Structure formats: C-alpha cells, structure tokens
C-alpha cells in the first residue's frame, strides 16, 4: 500500500510538472518558504523555552 501511495504521488507530480510547470514552481516556492518560517518559529520557541529555564 505504501509503495502504491508513493508511486501515485510521483505520477501526480510528473503530471503536474507537464501540465502546469509555473503552478508547480509557485507551490514549491510557497511550501519551502512556509517550511523555513515554521523552522525559524520552532527554534525561536526552543531558545525562549531554554532561556526561561534559567
């Protein structure tokens, strides 16, 4: 089942790349930006937590 889901995602990504490459690029850029923002928020929260322990 897991391999089927992965294969389906790869096929969907390939189809999206062929039919709408600009939309795929925008989505990837947005996802990367959001991921970086969440990572920064996580580390900021961890630093604040450790500082409050002192």
C-alpha atoms as a PDB file:
ATOM      1  CA  UNK A   1       0.000   0.000   0.000  1.00  0.00           C
ATOM      2  CA  UNK A   2       2.826   2.379   0.915  1.00  0.00           C
ATOM      3  CA  UNK A   3       4.582   1.850  -2.415  1.00  0.00           C
ATOM      4  CA  UNK A   4       1.322   2.476  -4.267  1.00  0.00           C
ATOM      5  CA  UNK A   5       0.826   5.807  -2.492  1.00  0.00           C
ATOM      6  CA  UNK A   6       4.397   6.871  -3.251  1.00  0.00           C
ATOM      7  CA  UNK A   7       4.009   5.843  -6.897  1.00  0.00           C
ATOM      8  CA  UNK A   8       0.728   7.756  -7.129  1.00  0.00           C
ATOM      9  CA  UNK A   9       2.374  10.888  -5.701  1.00  0.00           C
ATOM     10  CA  UNK A  10       5.255  10.612  -8.186  1.00  0.00           C
ATOM     11  CA  UNK A  11       2.850  10.200 -11.106  1.00  0.00           C
ATOM     12  CA  UNK A  12       0.773  13.156  -9.891  1.00  0.00           C
ATOM     13  CA  UNK A  13       3.901  15.307  -9.538  1.00  0.00           C
ATOM     14  CA  UNK A  14       5.034  14.369 -13.041  1.00  0.00           C
ATOM     15  CA  UNK A  15       1.602  15.133 -14.476  1.00  0.00           C
ATOM     16  CA  UNK A  16       1.524  18.486 -12.696  1.00  0.00           C
ATOM     17  CA  UNK A  17       5.018  19.318 -13.945  1.00  0.00           C
ATOM     18  CA  UNK A  18       3.985  18.616 -17.551  1.00  0.00           C
ATOM     19  CA  UNK A  19       0.611  20.385 -17.465  1.00  0.00           C
ATOM     20  CA  UNK A  20       1.376  23.404 -15.248  1.00  0.00           C
ATOM     21  CA  UNK A  21       5.097  23.891 -14.529  1.00  0.00           C
ATOM     22  CA  UNK A  22       4.631  27.503 -13.406  1.00  0.00           C
ATOM     23  CA  UNK A  23       1.983  26.495 -10.857  1.00  0.00           C
ATOM     24  CA  UNK A  24       4.199  23.696  -9.554  1.00  0.00           C
ATOM     25  CA  UNK A  25       7.123  26.095  -9.159  1.00  0.00           C
ATOM     26  CA  UNK A  26       4.974  28.591  -7.253  1.00  0.00           C
ATOM     27  CA  UNK A  27       3.636  25.850  -4.977  1.00  0.00           C
ATOM     28  CA  UNK A  28       7.134  24.542  -4.300  1.00  0.00           C
ATOM     29  CA  UNK A  29       8.377  28.040  -3.519  1.00  0.00           C
ATOM     30  CA  UNK A  30       5.460  28.670  -1.150  1.00  0.00           C
ATOM     31  CA  UNK A  31       5.955  25.313   0.580  1.00  0.00           C
ATOM     32  CA  UNK A  32       9.675  25.973   1.023  1.00  0.00           C
ATOM     33  CA  UNK A  33       9.032  29.442   2.371  1.00  0.00           C
ATOM     34  CA  UNK A  34       6.417  28.179   4.821  1.00  0.00           C
ATOM     35  CA  UNK A  35       8.690  25.343   5.921  1.00  0.00           C
ATOM     36  CA  UNK A  36      11.534  27.769   6.585  1.00  0.00           C
ATOM     37  CA  UNK A  37       9.203  30.035   8.543  1.00  0.00           C
ATOM     38  CA  UNK A  38       7.943  27.159  10.681  1.00  0.00           C
ATOM     39  CA  UNK A  39      11.505  26.015  11.357  1.00  0.00           C
ATOM     40  CA  UNK A  40      12.505  29.518  12.429  1.00  0.00           C
ATOM     41  CA  UNK A  41       9.467  29.732  14.728  1.00  0.00           C
ATOM     42  CA  UNK A  42      10.304  26.347  16.246  1.00  0.00           C
ATOM     43  CA  UNK A  43      13.901  27.306  17.017  1.00  0.00           C
ATOM     44  CA  UNK A  44      12.826  30.676  18.415  1.00  0.00           C
ATOM     45  CA  UNK A  45      10.359  28.927  20.711  1.00  0.00           C
ATOM     46  CA  UNK A  46      13.007  26.426  21.820  1.00  0.00           C
ATOM     47  CA  UNK A  47      15.520  29.192  22.572  1.00  0.00           C
ATOM     48  CA  UNK A  48      12.901  31.114  24.538  1.00  0.00           C
ATOM     49  CA  UNK A  49      11.991  27.970  26.490  1.00  0.00           C
ATOM     50  CA  UNK A  50      15.619  27.219  27.381  1.00  0.00           C
ATOM     51  CA  UNK A  51      16.221  30.824  28.446  1.00  0.00           C
ATOM     52  CA  UNK A  52      13.152  30.735  30.686  1.00  0.00           C
ATOM     53  CA  UNK A  53      14.512  27.654  32.481  1.00  0.00           C
ATOM     54  CA  UNK A  54      17.394  29.683  33.888  1.00  0.00           C
END
